[in-house]
Amino acid sequence: MNYLKWNKIFILLVLSSLAILPGCLHDTQLDTYPTVSFASEVQPIIASNCTRSGCHNGAVFSLQYYQEVLSQVTPGNARKSSIYRSITGRSLQGIMPPSPASTLSEDQIRSIFVWIEQGAANN
C-alpha cells in the first residue's frame, strides 16, 4: 500500500515537471536582448565545438559556413531548429557535442537560441 502511494506521487511529480519544462527553455525577453551576431558570437561557438576534425567539418555534414549552419536552422523558431535541438539534447542523435567535456554552456546555448529567434541573420 505504501509503495503504491509513493509510486503515484512520483508519477505525479514527473508529469508535472514535463508539463512545466518546455516553458522554461531559454524563454529570453527578445525585445530587451541585444542583437546576437552570427560572425562574432555564433560562428565562434560552432567553430570551436562542432567543426573539429571528424565532426561537422565535412565528415557527416559541414557547419563551417553560414549557409551550412542556416540549413540546420528554422529562422525565428529555435525549438524547430535541428541545431538547437541537438545542442540541448532534444534530437534523435542525443546531445551535441557528444563529449561531456565539450558540452556548450548555458550562455552559449542562449546565444544560439536568441540568434535563431531573431531571424538567424548573417550579421
PDB file of N, CA and C in Angstrom:
ATOM      1  N   MET A   1       0.832  -1.194   0.000  1.00  0.00           N
ATOM      2  CA  MET A   1       0.000   0.000   0.000  1.00  0.00           C
ATOM      3  C   MET A   1       0.876   1.256   0.000  1.00  0.00           C
ATOM      4  N   ASN A   2       1.877   1.307   0.879  1.00  0.00           N
ATOM      5  CA  ASN A   2       2.759   2.456   0.957  1.00  0.00           C
ATOM      6  C   ASN A   2       3.532   2.637  -0.350  1.00  0.00           C
ATOM      7  N   TYR A   3       3.938   1.528  -0.959  1.00  0.00           N
ATOM      8  CA  TYR A   3       4.649   1.556  -2.228  1.00  0.00           C
ATOM      9  C   TYR A   3       3.789   2.203  -3.319  1.00  0.00           C
ATOM     10  N   LEU A   4       2.521   1.864  -3.375  1.00  0.00           N
ATOM     11  CA  LEU A   4       1.621   2.425  -4.379  1.00  0.00           C
ATOM     12  C   LEU A   4       1.442   3.925  -4.181  1.00  0.00           C
ATOM     13  N   LYS A   5       1.383   4.352  -2.927  1.00  0.00           N
ATOM     14  CA  LYS A   5       1.234   5.772  -2.627  1.00  0.00           C
ATOM     15  C   LYS A   5       2.437   6.549  -3.144  1.00  0.00           C
ATOM     16  N   TRP A   6       3.651   6.075  -2.861  1.00  0.00           N
ATOM     17  CA  TRP A   6       4.862   6.757  -3.306  1.00  0.00           C
ATOM     18  C   TRP A   6       5.012   6.682  -4.820  1.00  0.00           C
ATOM     19  N   ASN A   7       4.579   5.596  -5.402  1.00  0.00           N
ATOM     20  CA  ASN A   7       4.634   5.454  -6.854  1.00  0.00           C
ATOM     21  C   ASN A   7       3.737   6.502  -7.519  1.00  0.00           C
ATOM     22  N   LYS A   8       2.539   6.704  -6.993  1.00  0.00           N
ATOM     23  CA  LYS A   8       1.623   7.700  -7.535  1.00  0.00           C
ATOM     24  C   LYS A   8       2.185   9.115  -7.372  1.00  0.00           C
ATOM     25  N   ILE A   9       2.789   9.386  -6.240  1.00  0.00           N
ATOM     26  CA  ILE A   9       3.389  10.703  -6.002  1.00  0.00           C
ATOM     27  C   ILE A   9       4.529  10.947  -6.987  1.00  0.00           C
ATOM     28  N   PHE A  10       5.367   9.945  -7.181  1.00  0.00           N
ATOM     29  CA  PHE A  10       6.486  10.065  -8.115  1.00  0.00           C
ATOM     30  C   PHE A  10       5.983  10.338  -9.533  1.00  0.00           C
ATOM     31  N   ILE A  11       4.994   9.606  -9.968  1.00  0.00           N
ATOM     32  CA  ILE A  11       4.442   9.792 -11.316  1.00  0.00           C
ATOM     33  C   ILE A  11       3.851  11.188 -11.461  1.00  0.00           C
ATOM     34  N   LEU A  12       3.164  11.649 -10.447  1.00  0.00           N
ATOM     35  CA  LEU A  12       2.586  12.991 -10.475  1.00  0.00           C
ATOM     36  C   LEU A  12       3.680  14.054 -10.586  1.00  0.00           C
ATOM     37  N   LEU A  13       4.763  13.905  -9.846  1.00  0.00           N
ATOM     38  CA  LEU A  13       5.868  14.853  -9.915  1.00  0.00           C
ATOM     39  C   LEU A  13       6.525  14.851 -11.292  1.00  0.00           C
ATOM     40  N   VAL A  14       6.727  13.684 -11.863  1.00  0.00           N
ATOM     41  CA  VAL A  14       7.329  13.584 -13.195  1.00  0.00           C
ATOM     42  C   VAL A  14       6.440  14.254 -14.231  1.00  0.00           C
ATOM     43  N   LEU A  15       5.154  13.958 -14.203  1.00  0.00           N
ATOM     44  CA  LEU A  15       4.234  14.556 -15.167  1.00  0.00           C
ATOM     45  C   LEU A  15       4.155  16.070 -15.005  1.00  0.00           C
ATOM     46  N   SER A  16       4.166  16.549 -13.775  1.00  0.00           N
ATOM     47  CA  SER A  16       4.152  17.992 -13.531  1.00  0.00           C
ATOM     48  C   SER A  16       5.406  18.644 -14.078  1.00  0.00           C
ATOM     49  N   SER A  17       6.553  18.009 -13.881  1.00  0.00           N
ATOM     50  CA  SER A  17       7.815  18.540 -14.397  1.00  0.00           C
ATOM     51  C   SER A  17       7.808  18.599 -15.911  1.00  0.00           C
ATOM     52  N   LEU A  18       7.293  17.569 -16.551  1.00  0.00           N
ATOM     53  CA  LEU A  18       7.239  17.547 -18.014  1.00  0.00           C
ATOM     54  C   LEU A  18       6.320  18.624 -18.562  1.00  0.00           C
ATOM     55  N   ALA A  19       5.285  18.943 -17.836  1.00  0.00           N
ATOM     56  CA  ALA A  19       4.358  19.978 -18.288  1.00  0.00           C
ATOM     57  C   ALA A  19       4.966  21.369 -18.151  1.00  0.00           C
ATOM     58  N   ILE A  20       5.799  21.572 -17.150  1.00  0.00           N
ATOM     59  CA  ILE A  20       6.400  22.871 -16.880  1.00  0.00           C
ATOM     60  C   ILE A  20       7.667  23.087 -17.689  1.00  0.00           C
ATOM     61  N   LEU A  21       8.472  22.065 -17.896  1.00  0.00           N
ATOM     62  CA  LEU A  21       9.792  22.182 -18.501  1.00  0.00           C
ATOM     63  C   LEU A  21       9.808  22.889 -19.847  1.00  0.00           C
ATOM     64  N   PRO A  22       8.953  22.566 -20.809  1.00  0.00           N
ATOM     65  CA  PRO A  22       9.051  23.232 -22.107  1.00  0.00           C
ATOM     66  C   PRO A  22       8.911  24.744 -22.042  1.00  0.00           C
ATOM     67  N   GLY A  23       8.198  25.254 -21.090  1.00  0.00           N
ATOM     68  CA  GLY A  23       8.049  26.686 -20.950  1.00  0.00           C
ATOM     69  C   GLY A  23       9.257  27.366 -20.361  1.00  0.00           C
ATOM     70  N   CYS A  24      10.171  26.618 -19.791  1.00  0.00           N
ATOM     71  CA  CYS A  24      11.332  27.195 -19.135  1.00  0.00           C
ATOM     72  C   CYS A  24      12.569  27.234 -20.026  1.00  0.00           C
ATOM     73  N   LEU A  25      12.519  26.644 -21.185  1.00  0.00           N
ATOM     74  CA  LEU A  25      13.695  26.517 -22.018  1.00  0.00           C
ATOM     75  C   LEU A  25      14.032  27.814 -22.732  1.00  0.00           C
ATOM     76  N   HIS A  26      14.967  28.546 -22.210  1.00  0.00           N
ATOM     77  CA  HIS A  26      15.520  29.718 -22.850  1.00  0.00           C
ATOM     78  C   HIS A  26      14.466  30.708 -23.335  1.00  0.00           C
ATOM     79  N   ASP A  27      13.470  30.983 -22.509  1.00  0.00           N
ATOM     80  CA  ASP A  27      12.487  31.997 -22.854  1.00  0.00           C
ATOM     81  C   ASP A  27      13.040  33.359 -22.476  1.00  0.00           C
ATOM     82  N   THR A  28      13.845  33.885 -23.355  1.00  0.00           N
ATOM     83  CA  THR A  28      14.505  35.160 -23.134  1.00  0.00           C
ATOM     84  C   THR A  28      13.612  36.280 -23.648  1.00  0.00           C
ATOM     85  N   GLN A  29      13.615  37.405 -22.962  1.00  0.00           N
ATOM     86  CA  GLN A  29      12.893  38.581 -23.432  1.00  0.00           C
ATOM     87  C   GLN A  29      13.628  39.100 -24.660  1.00  0.00           C
ATOM     88  N   LEU A  30      13.204  38.683 -25.839  1.00  0.00           N
ATOM     89  CA  LEU A  30      13.920  39.023 -27.062  1.00  0.00           C
ATOM     90  C   LEU A  30      13.938  40.508 -27.354  1.00  0.00           C
ATOM     91  N   ASP A  31      12.894  41.233 -26.955  1.00  0.00           N
ATOM     92  CA  ASP A  31      12.868  42.659 -27.246  1.00  0.00           C
ATOM     93  C   ASP A  31      13.879  43.439 -26.403  1.00  0.00           C
ATOM     94  N   THR A  32      14.330  42.879 -25.302  1.00  0.00           N
ATOM     95  CA  THR A  32      15.328  43.555 -24.466  1.00  0.00           C
ATOM     96  C   THR A  32      16.725  42.962 -24.644  1.00  0.00           C
ATOM     97  N   TYR A  33      16.832  41.894 -25.414  1.00  0.00           N
ATOM     98  CA  TYR A  33      18.122  41.228 -25.612  1.00  0.00           C
ATOM     99  C   TYR A  33      18.816  41.866 -26.808  1.00  0.00           C
ATOM    100  N   PRO A  34      20.098  42.194 -26.674  1.00  0.00           N
ATOM    101  CA  PRO A  34      20.801  42.788 -27.811  1.00  0.00           C
ATOM    102  C   PRO A  34      20.877  41.812 -28.986  1.00  0.00           C
ATOM    103  N   THR A  35      21.011  42.362 -30.178  1.00  0.00           N
ATOM    104  CA  THR A  35      21.104  41.541 -31.375  1.00  0.00           C
ATOM    105  C   THR A  35      22.337  40.645 -31.285  1.00  0.00           C
ATOM    106  N   VAL A  36      22.128  39.363 -31.516  1.00  0.00           N
ATOM    107  CA  VAL A  36      23.228  38.406 -31.488  1.00  0.00           C
ATOM    108  C   VAL A  36      23.829  38.331 -32.885  1.00  0.00           C
ATOM    109  N   SER A  37      25.141  38.467 -32.955  1.00  0.00           N
ATOM    110  CA  SER A  37      25.854  38.447 -34.230  1.00  0.00           C
ATOM    111  C   SER A  37      26.308  37.039 -34.584  1.00  0.00           C
ATOM    112  N   PHE A  38      26.009  36.621 -35.814  1.00  0.00           N
ATOM    113  CA  PHE A  38      26.482  35.319 -36.271  1.00  0.00           C
ATOM    114  C   PHE A  38      28.006  35.300 -36.308  1.00  0.00           C
ATOM    115  N   ALA A  39      28.602  36.308 -36.938  1.00  0.00           N
ATOM    116  CA  ALA A  39      30.053  36.326 -37.159  1.00  0.00           C
ATOM    117  C   ALA A  39      30.855  36.395 -35.862  1.00  0.00           C
ATOM    118  N   SER A  40      30.415  37.200 -34.908  1.00  0.00           N
ATOM    119  CA  SER A  40      31.231  37.383 -33.706  1.00  0.00           C
ATOM    120  C   SER A  40      30.810  36.540 -32.508  1.00  0.00           C
ATOM    121  N   GLU A  41      29.584  35.977 -32.526  1.00  0.00           N
ATOM    122  CA  GLU A  41      29.138  35.188 -31.379  1.00  0.00           C
ATOM    123  C   GLU A  41      28.812  33.736 -31.717  1.00  0.00           C
ATOM    124  N   VAL A  42      27.980  33.512 -32.724  1.00  0.00           N
ATOM    125  CA  VAL A  42      27.513  32.156 -33.027  1.00  0.00           C
ATOM    126  C   VAL A  42      28.581  31.330 -33.737  1.00  0.00           C
ATOM    127  N   GLN A  43      29.169  31.884 -34.794  1.00  0.00           N
ATOM    128  CA  GLN A  43      30.172  31.124 -35.548  1.00  0.00           C
ATOM    129  C   GLN A  43      31.358  30.695 -34.687  1.00  0.00           C
ATOM    130  N   PRO A  44      31.896  31.543 -33.796  1.00  0.00           N
ATOM    131  CA  PRO A  44      32.990  31.071 -32.934  1.00  0.00           C
ATOM    132  C   PRO A  44      32.588  29.897 -32.028  1.00  0.00           C
ATOM    133  N   ILE A  45      31.346  29.889 -31.554  1.00  0.00           N
ATOM    134  CA  ILE A  45      30.873  28.768 -30.726  1.00  0.00           C
ATOM    135  C   ILE A  45      30.861  27.495 -31.563  1.00  0.00           C
ATOM    136  N   ILE A  46      30.304  27.584 -32.758  1.00  0.00           N
ATOM    137  CA  ILE A  46      30.220  26.420 -33.639  1.00  0.00           C
ATOM    138  C   ILE A  46      31.605  25.977 -34.080  1.00  0.00           C
ATOM    139  N   ALA A  47      32.470  26.934 -34.438  1.00  0.00           N
ATOM    140  CA  ALA A  47      33.818  26.590 -34.904  1.00  0.00           C
ATOM    141  C   ALA A  47      34.631  25.879 -33.828  1.00  0.00           C
ATOM    142  N   SER A  48      34.502  26.303 -32.590  1.00  0.00           N
ATOM    143  CA  SER A  48      35.321  25.701 -31.529  1.00  0.00           C
ATOM    144  C   SER A  48      34.715  24.433 -30.939  1.00  0.00           C
ATOM    145  N   ASN A  49      33.445  24.165 -31.229  1.00  0.00           N
ATOM    146  CA  ASN A  49      32.799  22.995 -30.629  1.00  0.00           C
ATOM    147  C   ASN A  49      32.265  21.972 -31.623  1.00  0.00           C
ATOM    148  N   CYS A  50      32.006  22.376 -32.850  1.00  0.00           N
ATOM    149  CA  CYS A  50      31.312  21.496 -33.794  1.00  0.00           C
ATOM    150  C   CYS A  50      32.113  21.133 -35.040  1.00  0.00           C
ATOM    151  N   THR A  51      33.069  21.955 -35.431  1.00  0.00           N
ATOM    152  CA  THR A  51      33.756  21.730 -36.706  1.00  0.00           C
ATOM    153  C   THR A  51      35.155  21.151 -36.537  1.00  0.00           C
ATOM    154  N   ARG A  52      35.412  20.574 -35.415  1.00  0.00           N
ATOM    155  CA  ARG A  52      36.712  19.931 -35.204  1.00  0.00           C
ATOM    156  C   ARG A  52      36.833  18.725 -36.129  1.00  0.00           C
ATOM    157  N   SER A  53      38.039  18.234 -36.264  1.00  0.00           N
ATOM    158  CA  SER A  53      38.307  17.084 -37.129  1.00  0.00           C
ATOM    159  C   SER A  53      37.412  15.901 -36.761  1.00  0.00           C
ATOM    160  N   GLY A  54      36.747  15.354 -37.764  1.00  0.00           N
ATOM    161  CA  GLY A  54      35.874  14.204 -37.548  1.00  0.00           C
ATOM    162  C   GLY A  54      34.458  14.566 -37.181  1.00  0.00           C
ATOM    163  N   CYS A  55      34.210  15.838 -36.919  1.00  0.00           N
ATOM    164  CA  CYS A  55      32.848  16.260 -36.577  1.00  0.00           C
ATOM    165  C   CYS A  55      32.216  16.932 -37.790  1.00  0.00           C
ATOM    166  N   HIS A  56      31.687  18.110 -37.630  1.00  0.00           N
ATOM    167  CA  HIS A  56      30.950  18.762 -38.709  1.00  0.00           C
ATOM    168  C   HIS A  56      31.835  19.694 -39.532  1.00  0.00           C
ATOM    169  N   ASN A  57      32.956  19.137 -39.956  1.00  0.00           N
ATOM    170  CA  ASN A  57      33.842  19.842 -40.885  1.00  0.00           C
ATOM    171  C   ASN A  57      33.740  19.215 -42.264  1.00  0.00           C
ATOM    172  N   GLY A  58      32.737  18.426 -42.476  1.00  0.00           N
ATOM    173  CA  GLY A  58      32.508  17.793 -43.763  1.00  0.00           C
ATOM    174  C   GLY A  58      32.322  16.295 -43.671  1.00  0.00           C
ATOM    175  N   ALA A  59      32.603  15.680 -42.516  1.00  0.00           N
ATOM    176  CA  ALA A  59      32.500  14.229 -42.377  1.00  0.00           C
ATOM    177  C   ALA A  59      31.059  13.755 -42.586  1.00  0.00           C
ATOM    178  N   VAL A  60      30.134  14.251 -41.809  1.00  0.00           N
ATOM    179  CA  VAL A  60      28.715  13.903 -41.958  1.00  0.00           C
ATOM    180  C   VAL A  60      28.038  15.019 -42.750  1.00  0.00           C
ATOM    181  N   PHE A  61      28.072  16.208 -42.236  1.00  0.00           N
ATOM    182  CA  PHE A  61      27.682  17.431 -42.938  1.00  0.00           C
ATOM    183  C   PHE A  61      28.472  18.555 -42.289  1.00  0.00           C
ATOM    184  N   SER A  62      28.708  19.578 -43.042  1.00  0.00           N
ATOM    185  CA  SER A  62      29.576  20.656 -42.589  1.00  0.00           C
ATOM    186  C   SER A  62      28.787  21.784 -41.927  1.00  0.00           C
ATOM    187  N   LEU A  63      29.425  22.406 -40.953  1.00  0.00           N
ATOM    188  CA  LEU A  63      28.874  23.598 -40.303  1.00  0.00           C
ATOM    189  C   LEU A  63      29.919  24.716 -40.322  1.00  0.00           C
ATOM    190  N   GLN A  64      30.749  24.731 -41.352  1.00  0.00           N
ATOM    191  CA  GLN A  64      31.841  25.694 -41.405  1.00  0.00           C
ATOM    192  C   GLN A  64      31.415  27.066 -41.900  1.00  0.00           C
ATOM    193  N   TYR A  65      30.346  27.141 -42.686  1.00  0.00           N
ATOM    194  CA  TYR A  65      29.937  28.403 -43.285  1.00  0.00           C
ATOM    195  C   TYR A  65      28.491  28.718 -42.928  1.00  0.00           C
ATOM    196  N   TYR A  66      28.151  29.998 -43.043  1.00  0.00           N
ATOM    197  CA  TYR A  66      26.814  30.456 -42.673  1.00  0.00           C
ATOM    198  C   TYR A  66      25.713  29.641 -43.347  1.00  0.00           C
ATOM    199  N   GLN A  67      25.778  29.433 -44.656  1.00  0.00           N
ATOM    200  CA  GLN A  67      24.718  28.710 -45.372  1.00  0.00           C
ATOM    201  C   GLN A  67      24.562  27.285 -44.852  1.00  0.00           C
ATOM    202  N   GLU A  68      25.662  26.670 -44.439  1.00  0.00           N
ATOM    203  CA  GLU A  68      25.605  25.303 -43.899  1.00  0.00           C
ATOM    204  C   GLU A  68      24.922  25.298 -42.531  1.00  0.00           C
ATOM    205  N   VAL A  69      25.255  26.279 -41.705  1.00  0.00           N
ATOM    206  CA  VAL A  69      24.596  26.399 -40.402  1.00  0.00           C
ATOM    207  C   VAL A  69      23.120  26.707 -40.607  1.00  0.00           C
ATOM    208  N   LEU A  70      22.821  27.621 -41.538  1.00  0.00           N
ATOM    209  CA  LEU A  70      21.438  28.001 -41.805  1.00  0.00           C
ATOM    210  C   LEU A  70      20.595  26.804 -42.263  1.00  0.00           C
ATOM    211  N   SER A  71      21.208  25.834 -42.910  1.00  0.00           N
ATOM    212  CA  SER A  71      20.456  24.650 -43.349  1.00  0.00           C
ATOM    213  C   SER A  71      19.979  23.805 -42.178  1.00  0.00           C
ATOM    214  N   GLN A  72      20.501  24.055 -40.993  1.00  0.00           N
ATOM    215  CA  GLN A  72      20.117  23.324 -39.790  1.00  0.00           C
ATOM    216  C   GLN A  72      19.235  24.170 -38.863  1.00  0.00           C
ATOM    217  N   VAL A  73      18.747  25.301 -39.393  1.00  0.00           N
ATOM    218  CA  VAL A  73      18.022  26.286 -38.590  1.00  0.00           C
ATOM    219  C   VAL A  73      16.670  26.608 -39.231  1.00  0.00           C
ATOM    220  N   THR A  74      15.680  26.836 -38.383  1.00  0.00           N
ATOM    221  CA  THR A  74      14.411  27.392 -38.814  1.00  0.00           C
ATOM    222  C   THR A  74      14.381  28.820 -38.276  1.00  0.00           C
ATOM    223  N   PRO A  75      14.753  29.818 -39.102  1.00  0.00           N
ATOM    224  CA  PRO A  75      14.824  31.196 -38.612  1.00  0.00           C
ATOM    225  C   PRO A  75      13.525  31.622 -37.921  1.00  0.00           C
ATOM    226  N   GLY A  76      13.685  32.191 -36.730  1.00  0.00           N
ATOM    227  CA  GLY A  76      12.527  32.633 -35.959  1.00  0.00           C
ATOM    228  C   GLY A  76      11.927  31.569 -35.058  1.00  0.00           C
ATOM    229  N   ASN A  77      12.422  30.337 -35.145  1.00  0.00           N
ATOM    230  CA  ASN A  77      11.860  29.260 -34.323  1.00  0.00           C
ATOM    231  C   ASN A  77      12.968  28.294 -33.898  1.00  0.00           C
ATOM    232  N   ALA A  78      13.617  28.613 -32.804  1.00  0.00           N
ATOM    233  CA  ALA A  78      14.736  27.799 -32.335  1.00  0.00           C
ATOM    234  C   ALA A  78      14.310  26.375 -32.000  1.00  0.00           C
ATOM    235  N   ARG A  79      13.145  26.219 -31.421  1.00  0.00           N
ATOM    236  CA  ARG A  79      12.723  24.885 -30.986  1.00  0.00           C
ATOM    237  C   ARG A  79      12.477  23.924 -32.154  1.00  0.00           C
ATOM    238  N   LYS A  80      12.270  24.445 -33.343  1.00  0.00           N
ATOM    239  CA  LYS A  80      12.126  23.593 -34.525  1.00  0.00           C
ATOM    240  C   LYS A  80      13.440  23.442 -35.283  1.00  0.00           C
ATOM    241  N   SER A  81      14.479  24.105 -34.821  1.00  0.00           N
ATOM    242  CA  SER A  81      15.780  24.074 -35.485  1.00  0.00           C
ATOM    243  C   SER A  81      16.588  22.878 -35.014  1.00  0.00           C
ATOM    244  N   SER A  82      17.085  22.104 -35.961  1.00  0.00           N
ATOM    245  CA  SER A  82      17.819  20.889 -35.591  1.00  0.00           C
ATOM    246  C   SER A  82      19.090  21.211 -34.810  1.00  0.00           C
ATOM    247  N   ILE A  83      19.741  22.324 -35.097  1.00  0.00           N
ATOM    248  CA  ILE A  83      20.960  22.660 -34.357  1.00  0.00           C
ATOM    249  C   ILE A  83      20.640  22.945 -32.888  1.00  0.00           C
ATOM    250  N   TYR A  84      19.542  23.645 -32.621  1.00  0.00           N
ATOM    251  CA  TYR A  84      19.151  23.927 -31.235  1.00  0.00           C
ATOM    252  C   TYR A  84      18.724  22.644 -30.524  1.00  0.00           C
ATOM    253  N   ARG A  85      17.946  21.813 -31.205  1.00  0.00           N
ATOM    254  CA  ARG A  85      17.529  20.542 -30.600  1.00  0.00           C
ATOM    255  C   ARG A  85      18.751  19.676 -30.291  1.00  0.00           C
ATOM    256  N   SER A  86      19.754  19.716 -31.147  1.00  0.00           N
ATOM    257  CA  SER A  86      20.958  18.902 -30.929  1.00  0.00           C
ATOM    258  C   SER A  86      21.770  19.390 -29.734  1.00  0.00           C
ATOM    259  N   ILE A  87      21.952  20.702 -29.615  1.00  0.00           N
ATOM    260  CA  ILE A  87      22.788  21.212 -28.524  1.00  0.00           C
ATOM    261  C   ILE A  87      22.082  21.172 -27.176  1.00  0.00           C
ATOM    262  N   THR A  88      20.768  20.947 -27.195  1.00  0.00           N
ATOM    263  CA  THR A  88      20.028  20.822 -25.933  1.00  0.00           C
ATOM    264  C   THR A  88      19.629  19.381 -25.631  1.00  0.00           C
ATOM    265  N   GLY A  89      20.069  18.442 -26.482  1.00  0.00           N
ATOM    266  CA  GLY A  89      19.793  17.026 -26.233  1.00  0.00           C
ATOM    267  C   GLY A  89      18.401  16.586 -26.607  1.00  0.00           C
ATOM    268  N   ARG A  90      17.725  17.335 -27.467  1.00  0.00           N
ATOM    269  CA  ARG A  90      16.350  17.010 -27.848  1.00  0.00           C
ATOM    270  C   ARG A  90      16.257  16.473 -29.270  1.00  0.00           C
ATOM    271  N   SER A  91      17.325  15.851 -29.735  1.00  0.00           N
ATOM    272  CA  SER A  91      17.311  15.264 -31.075  1.00  0.00           C
ATOM    273  C   SER A  91      17.503  13.756 -30.954  1.00  0.00           C
ATOM    274  N   LEU A  92      17.275  13.059 -32.032  1.00  0.00           N
ATOM    275  CA  LEU A  92      17.439  11.607 -32.023  1.00  0.00           C
ATOM    276  C   LEU A  92      18.885  11.193 -31.814  1.00  0.00           C
ATOM    277  N   GLN A  93      19.831  12.061 -32.168  1.00  0.00           N
ATOM    278  CA  GLN A  93      21.245  11.749 -32.014  1.00  0.00           C
ATOM    279  C   GLN A  93      21.754  11.988 -30.591  1.00  0.00           C
ATOM    280  N   GLY A  94      20.933  12.527 -29.732  1.00  0.00           N
ATOM    281  CA  GLY A  94      21.373  12.862 -28.387  1.00  0.00           C
ATOM    282  C   GLY A  94      21.982  14.252 -28.382  1.00  0.00           C
ATOM    283  N   ILE A  95      22.687  14.575 -27.321  1.00  0.00           N
ATOM    284  CA  ILE A  95      23.244  15.917 -27.180  1.00  0.00           C
ATOM    285  C   ILE A  95      24.522  16.070 -27.991  1.00  0.00           C
ATOM    286  N   MET A  96      24.682  17.234 -28.565  1.00  0.00           N
ATOM    287  CA  MET A  96      25.887  17.593 -29.295  1.00  0.00           C
ATOM    288  C   MET A  96      26.475  18.832 -28.642  1.00  0.00           C
ATOM    289  N   PRO A  97      27.768  18.929 -28.599  1.00  0.00           N
ATOM    290  CA  PRO A  97      28.766  17.919 -28.915  1.00  0.00           C
ATOM    291  C   PRO A  97      28.635  16.708 -28.003  1.00  0.00           C
ATOM    292  N   PRO A  98      29.031  15.533 -28.517  1.00  0.00           N
ATOM    293  CA  PRO A  98      28.789  14.297 -27.774  1.00  0.00           C
ATOM    294  C   PRO A  98      29.648  14.100 -26.533  1.00  0.00           C
ATOM    295  N   SER A  99      30.763  14.757 -26.448  1.00  0.00           N
ATOM    296  CA  SER A  99      31.643  14.598 -25.288  1.00  0.00           C
ATOM    297  C   SER A  99      31.169  15.479 -24.144  1.00  0.00           C
ATOM    298  N   PRO A 100      30.987  14.906 -22.954  1.00  0.00           N
ATOM    299  CA  PRO A 100      30.548  15.722 -21.806  1.00  0.00           C
ATOM    300  C   PRO A 100      31.502  16.871 -21.506  1.00  0.00           C
ATOM    301  N   ALA A 101      32.770  16.700 -21.849  1.00  0.00           N
ATOM    302  CA  ALA A 101      33.752  17.747 -21.593  1.00  0.00           C
ATOM    303  C   ALA A 101      33.554  18.951 -22.505  1.00  0.00           C
ATOM    304  N   SER A 102      32.861  18.749 -23.629  1.00  0.00           N
ATOM    305  CA  SER A 102      32.703  19.856 -24.574  1.00  0.00           C
ATOM    306  C   SER A 102      31.250  20.318 -24.717  1.00  0.00           C
ATOM    307  N   THR A 103      30.394  19.969 -23.770  1.00  0.00           N
ATOM    308  CA  THR A 103      29.011  20.420 -23.801  1.00  0.00           C
ATOM    309  C   THR A 103      28.983  21.946 -23.730  1.00  0.00           C
ATOM    310  N   LEU A 104      28.097  22.551 -24.498  1.00  0.00           N
ATOM    311  CA  LEU A 104      28.016  24.006 -24.519  1.00  0.00           C
ATOM    312  C   LEU A 104      27.493  24.549 -23.196  1.00  0.00           C
ATOM    313  N   SER A 105      27.953  25.738 -22.853  1.00  0.00           N
ATOM    314  CA  SER A 105      27.480  26.394 -21.629  1.00  0.00           C
ATOM    315  C   SER A 105      26.072  26.945 -21.867  1.00  0.00           C
ATOM    316  N   GLU A 106      25.393  27.273 -20.791  1.00  0.00           N
ATOM    317  CA  GLU A 106      24.056  27.870 -20.898  1.00  0.00           C
ATOM    318  C   GLU A 106      24.109  29.182 -21.674  1.00  0.00           C
ATOM    319  N   ASP A 107      25.160  29.981 -21.479  1.00  0.00           N
ATOM    320  CA  ASP A 107      25.288  31.240 -22.206  1.00  0.00           C
ATOM    321  C   ASP A 107      25.451  31.001 -23.702  1.00  0.00           C
ATOM    322  N   GLN A 108      26.238  29.990 -24.074  1.00  0.00           N
ATOM    323  CA  GLN A 108      26.417  29.672 -25.487  1.00  0.00           C
ATOM    324  C   GLN A 108      25.107  29.187 -26.107  1.00  0.00           C
ATOM    325  N   ILE A 109      24.406  28.320 -25.404  1.00  0.00           N
ATOM    326  CA  ILE A 109      23.113  27.818 -25.893  1.00  0.00           C
ATOM    327  C   ILE A 109      22.123  28.967 -26.024  1.00  0.00           C
ATOM    328  N   ARG A 110      22.101  29.861 -25.034  1.00  0.00           N
ATOM    329  CA  ARG A 110      21.190  31.011 -25.077  1.00  0.00           C
ATOM    330  C   ARG A 110      21.510  31.915 -26.268  1.00  0.00           C
ATOM    331  N   SER A 111      22.797  32.136 -26.538  1.00  0.00           N
ATOM    332  CA  SER A 111      23.185  32.973 -27.680  1.00  0.00           C
ATOM    333  C   SER A 111      22.672  32.385 -28.991  1.00  0.00           C
ATOM    334  N   ILE A 112      22.827  31.072 -29.157  1.00  0.00           N
ATOM    335  CA  ILE A 112      22.342  30.418 -30.372  1.00  0.00           C
ATOM    336  C   ILE A 112      20.818  30.491 -30.438  1.00  0.00           C
ATOM    337  N   PHE A 113      20.161  30.258 -29.316  1.00  0.00           N
ATOM    338  CA  PHE A 113      18.699  30.357 -29.253  1.00  0.00           C
ATOM    339  C   PHE A 113      18.229  31.742 -29.683  1.00  0.00           C
ATOM    340  N   VAL A 114      18.812  32.776 -29.089  1.00  0.00           N
ATOM    341  CA  VAL A 114      18.392  34.141 -29.384  1.00  0.00           C
ATOM    342  C   VAL A 114      18.700  34.489 -30.842  1.00  0.00           C
ATOM    343  N   TRP A 115      19.858  34.096 -31.342  1.00  0.00           N
ATOM    344  CA  TRP A 115      20.208  34.356 -32.741  1.00  0.00           C
ATOM    345  C   TRP A 115      19.161  33.750 -33.682  1.00  0.00           C
ATOM    346  N   ILE A 116      18.768  32.516 -33.414  1.00  0.00           N
ATOM    347  CA  ILE A 116      17.752  31.871 -34.247  1.00  0.00           C
ATOM    348  C   ILE A 116      16.419  32.594 -34.121  1.00  0.00           C
ATOM    349  N   GLU A 117      15.995  32.881 -32.891  1.00  0.00           N
ATOM    350  CA  GLU A 117      14.723  33.566 -32.669  1.00  0.00           C
ATOM    351  C   GLU A 117      14.701  34.948 -33.310  1.00  0.00           C
ATOM    352  N   GLN A 118      15.868  35.603 -33.384  1.00  0.00           N
ATOM    353  CA  GLN A 118      15.962  36.917 -34.003  1.00  0.00           C
ATOM    354  C   GLN A 118      16.010  36.844 -35.533  1.00  0.00           C
ATOM    355  N   GLY A 119      15.915  35.651 -36.087  1.00  0.00           N
ATOM    356  CA  GLY A 119      15.846  35.504 -37.542  1.00  0.00           C
ATOM    357  C   GLY A 119      17.059  34.870 -38.189  1.00  0.00           C
ATOM    358  N   ALA A 120      18.071  34.529 -37.382  1.00  0.00           N
ATOM    359  CA  ALA A 120      19.275  33.835 -37.880  1.00  0.00           C
ATOM    360  C   ALA A 120      19.965  34.602 -39.006  1.00  0.00           C
ATOM    361  N   ALA A 121      20.161  35.883 -38.801  1.00  0.00           N
ATOM    362  CA  ALA A 121      20.764  36.740 -39.828  1.00  0.00           C
ATOM    363  C   ALA A 121      22.258  36.462 -39.969  1.00  0.00           C
ATOM    364  N   ASN A 122      22.771  36.720 -41.151  1.00  0.00           N
ATOM    365  CA  ASN A 122      24.207  36.612 -41.425  1.00  0.00           C
ATOM    366  C   ASN A 122      24.819  37.980 -41.118  1.00  0.00           C
ATOM    367  N   ASN A 123      24.933  38.254 -39.839  1.00  0.00           N
ATOM    368  CA  ASN A 123      25.425  39.564 -39.392  1.00  0.00           C
ATOM    369  C   ASN A 123      26.725  39.451 -38.622  1.00  0.00           C
TER     370      ASN A 123
END
